[in-house]
mmCIF file of all heavy atoms, coordinates in Angstrom:
data_MODEL
# 
_entry.id   MODEL 
# 
loop_
_atom_site.group_PDB 
_atom_site.id 
_atom_site.type_symbol 
_atom_site.label_atom_id 
_atom_site.label_alt_id 
_atom_site.label_comp_id 
_atom_site.label_asym_id 
_atom_site.label_entity_id 
_atom_site.label_seq_id 
_atom_site.pdbx_PDB_ins_code 
_atom_site.Cartn_x 
_atom_site.Cartn_y 
_atom_site.Cartn_z 
_atom_site.occupancy 
_atom_site.B_iso_or_equiv 
_atom_site.pdbx_formal_charge 
_atom_site.auth_seq_id 
_atom_site.auth_comp_id 
_atom_site.auth_asym_id 
_atom_site.auth_atom_id 
_atom_site.pdbx_PDB_model_num 
ATOM 1   N N   . THR A 1 1  ? 52.388 81.125 153.852 1.00 0.00 ? 1  THR A N   1 
ATOM 2   C CA  . THR A 1 1  ? 51.843 80.138 154.776 1.00 0.00 ? 1  THR A CA  1 
ATOM 3   C C   . THR A 1 1  ? 52.951 79.174 155.201 1.00 0.00 ? 1  THR A C   1 
ATOM 4   O O   . THR A 1 1  ? 53.609 78.586 154.350 1.00 0.00 ? 1  THR A O   1 
ATOM 5   C CB  . THR A 1 1  ? 50.701 79.339 154.133 1.00 0.00 ? 1  THR A CB  1 
ATOM 6   O OG1 . THR A 1 1  ? 49.666 80.232 153.700 1.00 0.00 ? 1  THR A OG1 1 
ATOM 7   C CG2 . THR A 1 1  ? 50.107 78.357 155.142 1.00 0.00 ? 1  THR A CG2 1 
ATOM 8   N N   . ILE A 1 2  ? 53.108 79.054 156.503 1.00 0.00 ? 2  ILE A N   1 
ATOM 9   C CA  . ILE A 1 2  ? 54.074 78.090 157.052 1.00 0.00 ? 2  ILE A CA  1 
ATOM 10  C C   . ILE A 1 2  ? 53.337 76.820 157.443 1.00 0.00 ? 2  ILE A C   1 
ATOM 11  O O   . ILE A 1 2  ? 52.210 76.870 157.951 1.00 0.00 ? 2  ILE A O   1 
ATOM 12  C CB  . ILE A 1 2  ? 54.846 78.690 158.243 1.00 0.00 ? 2  ILE A CB  1 
ATOM 13  C CG1 . ILE A 1 2  ? 56.004 77.777 158.644 1.00 0.00 ? 2  ILE A CG1 1 
ATOM 14  C CG2 . ILE A 1 2  ? 53.921 78.989 159.405 1.00 0.00 ? 2  ILE A CG2 1 
ATOM 15  C CD1 . ILE A 1 2  ? 56.952 78.409 159.676 1.00 0.00 ? 2  ILE A CD1 1 
ATOM 16  N N   . SER A 1 3  ? 53.971 75.693 157.195 1.00 0.00 ? 3  SER A N   1 
ATOM 17  C CA  . SER A 1 3  ? 53.397 74.401 157.580 1.00 0.00 ? 3  SER A CA  1 
ATOM 18  C C   . SER A 1 3  ? 54.538 73.433 157.857 1.00 0.00 ? 3  SER A C   1 
ATOM 19  O O   . SER A 1 3  ? 55.692 73.730 157.573 1.00 0.00 ? 3  SER A O   1 
ATOM 20  C CB  . SER A 1 3  ? 52.482 73.861 156.478 1.00 0.00 ? 3  SER A CB  1 
ATOM 21  O OG  . SER A 1 3  ? 53.214 73.621 155.290 1.00 0.00 ? 3  SER A OG  1 
ATOM 22  N N   . ARG A 1 4  ? 54.192 72.298 158.421 1.00 0.00 ? 4  ARG A N   1 
ATOM 23  C CA  . ARG A 1 4  ? 55.225 71.308 158.711 1.00 0.00 ? 4  ARG A CA  1 
ATOM 24  C C   . ARG A 1 4  ? 54.656 69.913 158.542 1.00 0.00 ? 4  ARG A C   1 
ATOM 25  O O   . ARG A 1 4  ? 53.463 69.678 158.744 1.00 0.00 ? 4  ARG A O   1 
ATOM 26  C CB  . ARG A 1 4  ? 55.791 71.497 160.114 1.00 0.00 ? 4  ARG A CB  1 
ATOM 27  C CG  . ARG A 1 4  ? 54.830 71.259 161.252 1.00 0.00 ? 4  ARG A CG  1 
ATOM 28  C CD  . ARG A 1 4  ? 55.424 71.711 162.578 1.00 0.00 ? 4  ARG A CD  1 
ATOM 29  N NE  . ARG A 1 4  ? 56.634 70.986 162.931 1.00 0.00 ? 4  ARG A NE  1 
ATOM 30  C CZ  . ARG A 1 4  ? 57.550 71.420 163.780 1.00 0.00 ? 4  ARG A CZ  1 
ATOM 31  N NH1 . ARG A 1 4  ? 57.392 72.587 164.385 1.00 0.00 ? 4  ARG A NH1 1 
ATOM 32  N NH2 . ARG A 1 4  ? 58.620 70.682 164.058 1.00 0.00 ? 4  ARG A NH2 1 
ATOM 33  N N   . ASP A 1 5  ? 55.551 69.008 158.195 1.00 0.00 ? 5  ASP A N   1 
ATOM 34  C CA  . ASP A 1 5  ? 55.213 67.576 158.101 1.00 0.00 ? 5  ASP A CA  1 
ATOM 35  C C   . ASP A 1 5  ? 56.207 66.860 159.009 1.00 0.00 ? 5  ASP A C   1 
ATOM 36  O O   . ASP A 1 5  ? 57.369 66.630 158.612 1.00 0.00 ? 5  ASP A O   1 
ATOM 37  C CB  . ASP A 1 5  ? 55.324 67.100 156.659 1.00 0.00 ? 5  ASP A CB  1 
ATOM 38  C CG  . ASP A 1 5  ? 54.886 65.653 156.471 1.00 0.00 ? 5  ASP A CG  1 
ATOM 39  O OD1 . ASP A 1 5  ? 54.886 64.904 157.468 1.00 0.00 ? 5  ASP A OD1 1 
ATOM 40  O OD2 . ASP A 1 5  ? 54.564 65.282 155.342 1.00 0.00 ? 5  ASP A OD2 1 
ATOM 41  N N   . ASN A 1 6  ? 55.781 66.526 160.214 1.00 0.00 ? 6  ASN A N   1 
ATOM 42  C CA  . ASN A 1 6  ? 56.708 65.937 161.169 1.00 0.00 ? 6  ASN A CA  1 
ATOM 43  C C   . ASN A 1 6  ? 57.144 64.542 160.765 1.00 0.00 ? 6  ASN A C   1 
ATOM 44  O O   . ASN A 1 6  ? 58.230 64.087 161.152 1.00 0.00 ? 6  ASN A O   1 
ATOM 45  C CB  . ASN A 1 6  ? 56.065 65.918 162.553 1.00 0.00 ? 6  ASN A CB  1 
ATOM 46  C CG  . ASN A 1 6  ? 56.039 67.308 163.190 1.00 0.00 ? 6  ASN A CG  1 
ATOM 47  O OD1 . ASN A 1 6  ? 56.774 68.215 162.780 1.00 0.00 ? 6  ASN A OD1 1 
ATOM 48  N ND2 . ASN A 1 6  ? 55.170 67.493 164.162 1.00 0.00 ? 6  ASN A ND2 1 
ATOM 49  N N   . ALA A 1 7  ? 56.351 63.871 159.974 1.00 0.00 ? 7  ALA A N   1 
ATOM 50  C CA  . ALA A 1 7  ? 56.753 62.547 159.492 1.00 0.00 ? 7  ALA A CA  1 
ATOM 51  C C   . ALA A 1 7  ? 57.916 62.648 158.521 1.00 0.00 ? 7  ALA A C   1 
ATOM 52  O O   . ALA A 1 7  ? 58.704 61.701 158.382 1.00 0.00 ? 7  ALA A O   1 
ATOM 53  C CB  . ALA A 1 7  ? 55.579 61.859 158.833 1.00 0.00 ? 7  ALA A CB  1 
ATOM 54  N N   . LYS A 1 8  ? 58.035 63.784 157.856 1.00 0.00 ? 8  LYS A N   1 
ATOM 55  C CA  . LYS A 1 8  ? 59.112 63.996 156.878 1.00 0.00 ? 8  LYS A CA  1 
ATOM 56  C C   . LYS A 1 8  ? 60.208 64.899 157.411 1.00 0.00 ? 8  LYS A C   1 
ATOM 57  O O   . LYS A 1 8  ? 61.132 65.248 156.675 1.00 0.00 ? 8  LYS A O   1 
ATOM 58  C CB  . LYS A 1 8  ? 58.542 64.583 155.582 1.00 0.00 ? 8  LYS A CB  1 
ATOM 59  C CG  . LYS A 1 8  ? 57.591 63.651 154.856 1.00 0.00 ? 8  LYS A CG  1 
ATOM 60  C CD  . LYS A 1 8  ? 57.117 64.273 153.547 1.00 0.00 ? 8  LYS A CD  1 
ATOM 61  C CE  . LYS A 1 8  ? 56.196 63.323 152.801 1.00 0.00 ? 8  LYS A CE  1 
ATOM 62  N NZ  . LYS A 1 8  ? 55.703 63.923 151.509 1.00 0.00 ? 8  LYS A NZ  1 
ATOM 63  N N   . ASN A 1 9  ? 60.077 65.309 158.681 1.00 0.00 ? 9  ASN A N   1 
ATOM 64  C CA  . ASN A 1 9  ? 61.080 66.202 159.282 1.00 0.00 ? 9  ASN A CA  1 
ATOM 65  C C   . ASN A 1 9  ? 61.300 67.457 158.434 1.00 0.00 ? 9  ASN A C   1 
ATOM 66  O O   . ASN A 1 9  ? 62.435 67.918 158.267 1.00 0.00 ? 9  ASN A O   1 
ATOM 67  C CB  . ASN A 1 9  ? 62.414 65.482 159.476 1.00 0.00 ? 9  ASN A CB  1 
ATOM 68  C CG  . ASN A 1 9  ? 62.373 64.445 160.573 1.00 0.00 ? 9  ASN A CG  1 
ATOM 69  O OD1 . ASN A 1 9  ? 61.383 64.351 161.307 1.00 0.00 ? 9  ASN A OD1 1 
ATOM 70  N ND2 . ASN A 1 9  ? 63.425 63.680 160.707 1.00 0.00 ? 9  ASN A ND2 1 
ATOM 71  N N   . THR A 1 10 ? 60.233 68.034 157.947 1.00 0.00 ? 10 THR A N   1 
ATOM 72  C CA  . THR A 1 10 ? 60.330 69.136 157.015 1.00 0.00 ? 10 THR A CA  1 
ATOM 73  C C   . THR A 1 10 ? 59.329 70.242 157.377 1.00 0.00 ? 10 THR A C   1 
ATOM 74  O O   . THR A 1 10 ? 58.189 69.945 157.739 1.00 0.00 ? 10 THR A O   1 
ATOM 75  C CB  . THR A 1 10 ? 60.089 68.667 155.580 1.00 0.00 ? 10 THR A CB  1 
ATOM 76  O OG1 . THR A 1 10 ? 61.049 67.658 155.251 1.00 0.00 ? 10 THR A OG1 1 
ATOM 77  C CG2 . THR A 1 10 ? 60.239 69.810 154.598 1.00 0.00 ? 10 THR A CG2 1 
ATOM 78  N N   . VAL A 1 11 ? 59.789 71.465 157.261 1.00 0.00 ? 11 VAL A N   1 
ATOM 79  C CA  . VAL A 1 11 ? 58.923 72.631 157.392 1.00 0.00 ? 11 VAL A CA  1 
ATOM 80  C C   . VAL A 1 11 ? 58.899 73.337 156.036 1.00 0.00 ? 11 VAL A C   1 
ATOM 81  O O   . VAL A 1 11 ? 59.897 73.353 155.318 1.00 0.00 ? 11 VAL A O   1 
ATOM 82  C CB  . VAL A 1 11 ? 59.389 73.567 158.529 1.00 0.00 ? 11 VAL A CB  1 
ATOM 83  C CG1 . VAL A 1 11 ? 60.770 74.135 158.260 1.00 0.00 ? 11 VAL A CG1 1 
ATOM 84  C CG2 . VAL A 1 11 ? 58.388 74.687 158.755 1.00 0.00 ? 11 VAL A CG2 1 
ATOM 85  N N   . TYR A 1 12 ? 57.739 73.888 155.707 1.00 0.00 ? 12 TYR A N   1 
ATOM 86  C CA  . TYR A 1 12 ? 57.539 74.515 154.408 1.00 0.00 ? 12 TYR A CA  1 
ATOM 87  C C   . TYR A 1 12 ? 57.162 75.982 154.574 1.00 0.00 ? 12 TYR A C   1 
ATOM 88  O O   . TYR A 1 12 ? 56.599 76.391 155.593 1.00 0.00 ? 12 TYR A O   1 
ATOM 89  C CB  . TYR A 1 12 ? 56.426 73.803 153.643 1.00 0.00 ? 12 TYR A CB  1 
ATOM 90  C CG  . TYR A 1 12 ? 56.647 72.331 153.448 1.00 0.00 ? 12 TYR A CG  1 
ATOM 91  C CD1 . TYR A 1 12 ? 56.047 71.401 154.309 1.00 0.00 ? 12 TYR A CD1 1 
ATOM 92  C CD2 . TYR A 1 12 ? 57.459 71.849 152.431 1.00 0.00 ? 12 TYR A CD2 1 
ATOM 93  C CE1 . TYR A 1 12 ? 56.244 70.042 154.140 1.00 0.00 ? 12 TYR A CE1 1 
ATOM 94  C CE2 . TYR A 1 12 ? 57.670 70.494 152.251 1.00 0.00 ? 12 TYR A CE2 1 
ATOM 95  C CZ  . TYR A 1 12 ? 57.060 69.594 153.111 1.00 0.00 ? 12 TYR A CZ  1 
ATOM 96  O OH  . TYR A 1 12 ? 57.263 68.246 152.941 1.00 0.00 ? 12 TYR A OH  1 
ATOM 97  N N   . LEU A 1 13 ? 57.427 76.744 153.521 1.00 0.00 ? 13 LEU A N   1 
ATOM 98  C CA  . LEU A 1 13 ? 56.958 78.121 153.451 1.00 0.00 ? 13 LEU A CA  1 
ATOM 99  C C   . LEU A 1 13 ? 56.381 78.311 152.052 1.00 0.00 ? 13 LEU A C   1 
ATOM 100 O O   . LEU A 1 13 ? 57.131 78.375 151.068 1.00 0.00 ? 13 LEU A O   1 
ATOM 101 C CB  . LEU A 1 13 ? 58.091 79.130 153.714 1.00 0.00 ? 13 LEU A CB  1 
ATOM 102 C CG  . LEU A 1 13 ? 57.631 80.581 153.774 1.00 0.00 ? 13 LEU A CG  1 
ATOM 103 C CD1 . LEU A 1 13 ? 56.772 80.816 155.026 1.00 0.00 ? 13 LEU A CD1 1 
ATOM 104 C CD2 . LEU A 1 13 ? 58.829 81.528 153.776 1.00 0.00 ? 13 LEU A CD2 1 
ATOM 105 N N   . GLN A 1 14 ? 55.067 78.357 151.979 1.00 0.00 ? 14 GLN A N   1 
ATOM 106 C CA  . GLN A 1 14 ? 54.397 78.622 150.708 1.00 0.00 ? 14 GLN A CA  1 
ATOM 107 C C   . GLN A 1 14 ? 54.297 80.139 150.547 1.00 0.00 ? 14 GLN A C   1 
ATOM 108 O O   . GLN A 1 14 ? 53.719 80.813 151.405 1.00 0.00 ? 14 GLN A O   1 
ATOM 109 C CB  . GLN A 1 14 ? 53.007 78.001 150.698 1.00 0.00 ? 14 GLN A CB  1 
ATOM 110 C CG  . GLN A 1 14 ? 52.214 78.281 149.431 1.00 0.00 ? 14 GLN A CG  1 
ATOM 111 C CD  . GLN A 1 14 ? 52.807 77.642 148.193 1.00 0.00 ? 14 GLN A CD  1 
ATOM 112 O OE1 . GLN A 1 14 ? 53.228 76.482 148.238 1.00 0.00 ? 14 GLN A OE1 1 
ATOM 113 N NE2 . GLN A 1 14 ? 52.873 78.374 147.111 1.00 0.00 ? 14 GLN A NE2 1 
ATOM 114 N N   . MET A 1 15 ? 54.863 80.632 149.457 1.00 0.00 ? 15 MET A N   1 
ATOM 115 C CA  . MET A 1 15 ? 54.915 82.067 149.223 1.00 0.00 ? 15 MET A CA  1 
ATOM 116 C C   . MET A 1 15 ? 54.119 82.390 147.965 1.00 0.00 ? 15 MET A C   1 
ATOM 117 O O   . MET A 1 15 ? 54.477 81.952 146.872 1.00 0.00 ? 15 MET A O   1 
ATOM 118 C CB  . MET A 1 15 ? 56.361 82.533 149.077 1.00 0.00 ? 15 MET A CB  1 
ATOM 119 C CG  . MET A 1 15 ? 57.255 82.131 150.247 1.00 0.00 ? 15 MET A CG  1 
ATOM 120 S SD  . MET A 1 15 ? 58.909 82.826 150.152 1.00 0.00 ? 15 MET A SD  1 
ATOM 121 C CE  . MET A 1 15 ? 59.527 82.041 148.681 1.00 0.00 ? 15 MET A CE  1 
ATOM 122 N N   . ASN A 1 16 ? 53.059 83.147 148.141 1.00 0.00 ? 16 ASN A N   1 
ATOM 123 C CA  . ASN A 1 16 ? 52.202 83.554 147.030 1.00 0.00 ? 16 ASN A CA  1 
ATOM 124 C C   . ASN A 1 16 ? 52.243 85.064 146.856 1.00 0.00 ? 16 ASN A C   1 
ATOM 125 O O   . ASN A 1 16 ? 52.664 85.787 147.765 1.00 0.00 ? 16 ASN A O   1 
ATOM 126 C CB  . ASN A 1 16 ? 50.777 83.100 147.282 1.00 0.00 ? 16 ASN A CB  1 
ATOM 127 C CG  . ASN A 1 16 ? 50.629 81.583 147.363 1.00 0.00 ? 16 ASN A CG  1 
ATOM 128 O OD1 . ASN A 1 16 ? 51.385 80.829 146.741 1.00 0.00 ? 16 ASN A OD1 1 
ATOM 129 N ND2 . ASN A 1 16 ? 49.662 81.140 148.153 1.00 0.00 ? 16 ASN A ND2 1 
ATOM 130 N N   . SER A 1 17 ? 51.788 85.519 145.703 1.00 0.00 ? 17 SER A N   1 
ATOM 131 C CA  . SER A 1 17 ? 51.736 86.960 145.425 1.00 0.00 ? 17 SER A CA  1 
ATOM 132 C C   . SER A 1 17 ? 53.057 87.632 145.729 1.00 0.00 ? 17 SER A C   1 
ATOM 133 O O   . SER A 1 17 ? 53.108 88.675 146.406 1.00 0.00 ? 17 SER A O   1 
ATOM 134 C CB  . SER A 1 17 ? 50.605 87.609 146.217 1.00 0.00 ? 17 SER A CB  1 
ATOM 135 O OG  . SER A 1 17 ? 49.358 87.018 145.911 1.00 0.00 ? 17 SER A OG  1 
ATOM 136 N N   . LEU A 1 18 ? 54.118 87.041 145.254 1.00 0.00 ? 18 LEU A N   1 
ATOM 137 C CA  . LEU A 1 18 ? 55.458 87.550 145.580 1.00 0.00 ? 18 LEU A CA  1 
ATOM 138 C C   . LEU A 1 18 ? 55.685 88.930 145.009 1.00 0.00 ? 18 LEU A C   1 
ATOM 139 O O   . LEU A 1 18 ? 55.189 89.278 143.927 1.00 0.00 ? 18 LEU A O   1 
ATOM 140 C CB  . LEU A 1 18 ? 56.514 86.572 145.083 1.00 0.00 ? 18 LEU A CB  1 
ATOM 141 C CG  . LEU A 1 18 ? 56.688 85.324 145.956 1.00 0.00 ? 18 LEU A CG  1 
ATOM 142 C CD1 . LEU A 1 18 ? 57.380 84.215 145.200 1.00 0.00 ? 18 LEU A CD1 1 
ATOM 143 C CD2 . LEU A 1 18 ? 57.457 85.673 147.222 1.00 0.00 ? 18 LEU A CD2 1 
ATOM 144 N N   . LYS A 1 19 ? 56.459 89.707 145.757 1.00 0.00 ? 19 LYS A N   1 
ATOM 145 C CA  . LYS A 1 19 ? 56.788 91.074 145.383 1.00 0.00 ? 19 LYS A CA  1 
ATOM 146 C C   . LYS A 1 19 ? 58.316 91.215 145.286 1.00 0.00 ? 19 LYS A C   1 
ATOM 147 O O   . LYS A 1 19 ? 59.038 90.463 145.939 1.00 0.00 ? 19 LYS A O   1 
ATOM 148 C CB  . LYS A 1 19 ? 56.256 92.041 146.442 1.00 0.00 ? 19 LYS A CB  1 
ATOM 149 C CG  . LYS A 1 19 ? 54.781 91.916 146.731 1.00 0.00 ? 19 LYS A CG  1 
ATOM 150 C CD  . LYS A 1 19 ? 54.374 92.838 147.884 1.00 0.00 ? 19 LYS A CD  1 
ATOM 151 C CE  . LYS A 1 19 ? 52.904 92.710 148.196 1.00 0.00 ? 19 LYS A CE  1 
ATOM 152 N NZ  . LYS A 1 19 ? 52.499 93.599 149.320 1.00 0.00 ? 19 LYS A NZ  1 
ATOM 153 N N   . PRO A 1 20 ? 58.778 92.197 144.543 1.00 0.00 ? 20 PRO A N   1 
ATOM 154 C CA  . PRO A 1 20 ? 60.231 92.396 144.475 1.00 0.00 ? 20 PRO A CA  1 
ATOM 155 C C   . PRO A 1 20 ? 60.870 92.592 145.851 1.00 0.00 ? 20 PRO A C   1 
ATOM 156 O O   . PRO A 1 20 ? 62.011 92.160 146.067 1.00 0.00 ? 20 PRO A O   1 
ATOM 157 C CB  . PRO A 1 20 ? 60.361 93.645 143.604 1.00 0.00 ? 20 PRO A CB  1 
ATOM 158 C CG  . PRO A 1 20 ? 59.164 93.607 142.730 1.00 0.00 ? 20 PRO A CG  1 
ATOM 159 C CD  . PRO A 1 20 ? 58.065 93.057 143.583 1.00 0.00 ? 20 PRO A CD  1 
ATOM 160 N N   . GLU A 1 21 ? 60.158 93.177 146.759 1.00 0.00 ? 21 GLU A N   1 
ATOM 161 C CA  . GLU A 1 21 ? 60.701 93.389 148.106 1.00 0.00 ? 21 GLU A CA  1 
ATOM 162 C C   . GLU A 1 21 ? 60.809 92.112 148.927 1.00 0.00 ? 21 GLU A C   1 
ATOM 163 O O   . GLU A 1 21 ? 61.351 92.126 150.040 1.00 0.00 ? 21 GLU A O   1 
ATOM 164 C CB  . GLU A 1 21 ? 59.889 94.446 148.873 1.00 0.00 ? 21 GLU A CB  1 
ATOM 165 C CG  . GLU A 1 21 ? 58.406 94.206 148.886 1.00 0.00 ? 21 GLU A CG  1 
ATOM 166 C CD  . GLU A 1 21 ? 57.678 94.999 147.806 1.00 0.00 ? 21 GLU A CD  1 
ATOM 167 O OE1 . GLU A 1 21 ? 58.163 95.032 146.648 1.00 0.00 ? 21 GLU A OE1 1 
ATOM 168 O OE2 . GLU A 1 21 ? 56.602 95.563 148.103 1.00 0.00 ? 21 GLU A OE2 1 
ATOM 169 N N   . ASP A 1 22 ? 60.303 90.994 148.401 1.00 0.00 ? 22 ASP A N   1 
ATOM 170 C CA  . ASP A 1 22 ? 60.497 89.694 149.061 1.00 0.00 ? 22 ASP A CA  1 
ATOM 171 C C   . ASP A 1 22 ? 61.853 89.087 148.710 1.00 0.00 ? 22 ASP A C   1 
ATOM 172 O O   . ASP A 1 22 ? 62.225 88.044 149.257 1.00 0.00 ? 22 ASP A O   1 
ATOM 173 C CB  . ASP A 1 22 ? 59.391 88.717 148.650 1.00 0.00 ? 22 ASP A CB  1 
ATOM 174 C CG  . ASP A 1 22 ? 58.025 89.136 149.148 1.00 0.00 ? 22 ASP A CG  1 
ATOM 175 O OD1 . ASP A 1 22 ? 57.924 89.586 150.308 1.00 0.00 ? 22 ASP A OD1 1 
ATOM 176 O OD2 . ASP A 1 22 ? 57.054 89.016 148.371 1.00 0.00 ? 22 ASP A OD2 1 
ATOM 177 N N   . THR A 1 23 ? 62.567 89.715 147.799 1.00 0.00 ? 23 THR A N   1 
ATOM 178 C CA  . THR A 1 23 ? 63.883 89.222 147.416 1.00 0.00 ? 23 THR A CA  1 
ATOM 179 C C   . THR A 1 23 ? 64.828 89.207 148.599 1.00 0.00 ? 23 THR A C   1 
ATOM 180 O O   . THR A 1 23 ? 65.021 90.228 149.270 1.00 0.00 ? 23 THR A O   1 
ATOM 181 C CB  . THR A 1 23 ? 64.468 90.084 146.284 1.00 0.00 ? 23 THR A CB  1 
ATOM 182 O OG1 . THR A 1 23 ? 63.652 89.949 145.117 1.00 0.00 ? 23 THR A OG1 1 
ATOM 183 C CG2 . THR A 1 23 ? 65.895 89.674 145.963 1.00 0.00 ? 23 THR A CG2 1 
ATOM 184 N N   . ALA A 1 24 ? 65.400 88.036 148.881 1.00 0.00 ? 24 ALA A N   1 
ATOM 185 C CA  . ALA A 1 24 ? 66.283 87.868 150.033 1.00 0.00 ? 24 ALA A CA  1 
ATOM 186 C C   . ALA A 1 24 ? 66.804 86.443 150.053 1.00 0.00 ? 24 ALA A C   1 
ATOM 187 O O   . ALA A 1 24 ? 66.321 85.592 149.309 1.00 0.00 ? 24 ALA A O   1 
ATOM 188 C CB  . ALA A 1 24 ? 65.533 88.160 151.334 1.00 0.00 ? 24 ALA A CB  1 
ATOM 189 N N   . VAL A 1 25 ? 67.736 86.200 150.940 1.00 0.00 ? 25 VAL A N   1 
ATOM 190 C CA  . VAL A 1 25 ? 68.107 84.824 151.307 1.00 0.00 ? 25 VAL A CA  1 
ATOM 191 C C   . VAL A 1 25 ? 67.198 84.410 152.445 1.00 0.00 ? 25 VAL A C   1 
ATOM 192 O O   . VAL A 1 25 ? 67.094 85.130 153.454 1.00 0.00 ? 25 VAL A O   1 
ATOM 193 C CB  . VAL A 1 25 ? 69.583 84.721 151.700 1.00 0.00 ? 25 VAL A CB  1 
ATOM 194 C CG1 . VAL A 1 25 ? 69.919 83.292 152.120 1.00 0.00 ? 25 VAL A CG1 1 
ATOM 195 C CG2 . VAL A 1 25 ? 70.485 85.161 150.558 1.00 0.00 ? 25 VAL A CG2 1 
ATOM 196 N N   . TYR A 1 26 ? 66.568 83.278 152.294 1.00 0.00 ? 26 TYR A N   1 
ATOM 197 C CA  . TYR A 1 26 ? 65.629 82.773 153.286 1.00 0.00 ? 26 TYR A CA  1 
ATOM 198 C C   . TYR A 1 26 ? 66.300 81.654 154.095 1.00 0.00 ? 26 TYR A C   1 
ATOM 199 O O   . TYR A 1 26 ? 66.871 80.713 153.518 1.00 0.00 ? 26 TYR A O   1 
ATOM 200 C CB  . TYR A 1 26 ? 64.365 82.266 152.615 1.00 0.00 ? 26 TYR A CB  1 
ATOM 201 C CG  . TYR A 1 26 ? 63.448 83.378 152.173 1.00 0.00 ? 26 TYR A CG  1 
ATOM 202 C CD1 . TYR A 1 26 ? 63.795 84.209 151.110 1.00 0.00 ? 26 TYR A CD1 1 
ATOM 203 C CD2 . TYR A 1 26 ? 62.257 83.630 152.836 1.00 0.00 ? 26 TYR A CD2 1 
ATOM 204 C CE1 . TYR A 1 26 ? 62.982 85.260 150.708 1.00 0.00 ? 26 TYR A CE1 1 
ATOM 205 C CE2 . TYR A 1 26 ? 61.427 84.661 152.446 1.00 0.00 ? 26 TYR A CE2 1 
ATOM 206 C CZ  . TYR A 1 26 ? 61.794 85.467 151.382 1.00 0.00 ? 26 TYR A CZ  1 
ATOM 207 O OH  . TYR A 1 26 ? 60.972 86.504 150.998 1.00 0.00 ? 26 TYR A OH  1 
ATOM 208 N N   . TYR A 1 27 ? 66.180 81.779 155.413 1.00 0.00 ? 27 TYR A N   1 
ATOM 209 C CA  . TYR A 1 27 ? 66.791 80.827 156.344 1.00 0.00 ? 27 TYR A CA  1 
ATOM 210 C C   . TYR A 1 27 ? 65.719 80.178 157.217 1.00 0.00 ? 27 TYR A C   1 
ATOM 211 O O   . TYR A 1 27 ? 64.783 80.848 157.650 1.00 0.00 ? 27 TYR A O   1 
ATOM 212 C CB  . TYR A 1 27 ? 67.786 81.520 157.261 1.00 0.00 ? 27 TYR A CB  1 
ATOM 213 C CG  . TYR A 1 27 ? 68.928 82.205 156.576 1.00 0.00 ? 27 TYR A CG  1 
ATOM 214 C CD1 . TYR A 1 27 ? 68.849 83.535 156.195 1.00 0.00 ? 27 TYR A CD1 1 
ATOM 215 C CD2 . TYR A 1 27 ? 70.121 81.527 156.332 1.00 0.00 ? 27 TYR A CD2 1 
ATOM 216 C CE1 . TYR A 1 27 ? 69.910 84.173 155.579 1.00 0.00 ? 27 TYR A CE1 1 
ATOM 217 C CE2 . TYR A 1 27 ? 71.194 82.154 155.711 1.00 0.00 ? 27 TYR A CE2 1 
ATOM 218 C CZ  . TYR A 1 27 ? 71.075 83.476 155.336 1.00 0.00 ? 27 TYR A CZ  1 
ATOM 219 O OH  . TYR A 1 27 ? 72.131 84.102 154.734 1.00 0.00 ? 27 TYR A OH  1 
ATOM 220 N N   . CYS A 1 28 ? 65.901 78.913 157.515 1.00 0.00 ? 28 CYS A N   1 
ATOM 221 C CA  . CYS A 1 28 ? 65.047 78.296 158.528 1.00 0.00 ? 28 CYS A CA  1 
ATOM 222 C C   . CYS A 1 28 ? 65.866 78.129 159.807 1.00 0.00 ? 28 CYS A C   1 
ATOM 223 O O   . CYS A 1 28 ? 67.079 77.935 159.774 1.00 0.00 ? 28 CYS A O   1 
ATOM 224 C CB  . CYS A 1 28 ? 64.462 76.977 158.073 1.00 0.00 ? 28 CYS A CB  1 
ATOM 225 S SG  . CYS A 1 28 ? 65.634 75.626 157.846 1.00 0.00 ? 28 CYS A SG  1 
ATOM 226 N N   . GLY A 1 29 ? 65.152 78.220 160.904 1.00 0.00 ? 29 GLY A N   1 
ATOM 227 C CA  . GLY A 1 29 ? 65.778 78.075 162.210 1.00 0.00 ? 29 GLY A CA  1 
ATOM 228 C C   . GLY A 1 29 ? 64.992 77.114 163.083 1.00 0.00 ? 29 GLY A C   1 
ATOM 229 O O   . GLY A 1 29 ? 63.773 76.952 162.911 1.00 0.00 ? 29 GLY A O   1 
ATOM 230 N N   . LEU A 1 30 ? 65.678 76.493 164.016 1.00 0.00 ? 30 LEU A N   1 
ATOM 231 C CA  . LEU A 1 30 ? 65.050 75.535 164.941 1.00 0.00 ? 30 LEU A CA  1 
ATOM 232 C C   . LEU A 1 30 ? 65.313 76.012 166.370 1.00 0.00 ? 30 LEU A C   1 
ATOM 233 O O   . LEU A 1 30 ? 66.435 76.393 166.714 1.00 0.00 ? 30 LEU A O   1 
ATOM 234 C CB  . LEU A 1 30 ? 65.646 74.145 164.722 1.00 0.00 ? 30 LEU A CB  1 
ATOM 235 C CG  . LEU A 1 30 ? 65.099 72.996 165.581 1.00 0.00 ? 30 LEU A CG  1 
ATOM 236 C CD1 . LEU A 1 30 ? 65.161 71.697 164.800 1.00 0.00 ? 30 LEU A CD1 1 
ATOM 237 C CD2 . LEU A 1 30 ? 65.863 72.850 166.881 1.00 0.00 ? 30 LEU A CD2 1 
ATOM 238 N N   . ARG A 1 31 ? 64.271 75.986 167.158 1.00 0.00 ? 31 ARG A N   1 
ATOM 239 C CA  . ARG A 1 31 ? 64.370 76.427 168.557 1.00 0.00 ? 31 ARG A CA  1 
ATOM 240 C C   . ARG A 1 31 ? 64.319 75.200 169.448 1.00 0.00 ? 31 ARG A C   1 
ATOM 241 O O   . ARG A 1 31 ? 63.319 74.462 169.453 1.00 0.00 ? 31 ARG A O   1 
ATOM 242 C CB  . ARG A 1 31 ? 63.216 77.377 168.886 1.00 0.00 ? 31 ARG A CB  1 
ATOM 243 C CG  . ARG A 1 31 ? 63.276 77.952 170.277 1.00 0.00 ? 31 ARG A CG  1 
ATOM 244 C CD  . ARG A 1 31 ? 62.254 79.063 170.435 1.00 0.00 ? 31 ARG A CD  1 
ATOM 245 N NE  . ARG A 1 31 ? 62.397 79.719 171.738 1.00 0.00 ? 31 ARG A NE  1 
ATOM 246 C CZ  . ARG A 1 31 ? 61.715 79.369 172.811 1.00 0.00 ? 31 ARG A CZ  1 
ATOM 247 N NH1 . ARG A 1 31 ? 60.827 78.402 172.728 1.00 0.00 ? 31 ARG A NH1 1 
ATOM 248 N NH2 . ARG A 1 31 ? 61.909 80.009 173.944 1.00 0.00 ? 31 ARG A NH2 1 
# 
């Protein structure tokens, strides 16, 4: 689940039920 708190200038990624195939470097991007 992705969410954001604009008052804190922060975006979140809640990751549940993680699997081995989720292993990676995670990057955030701004458009």
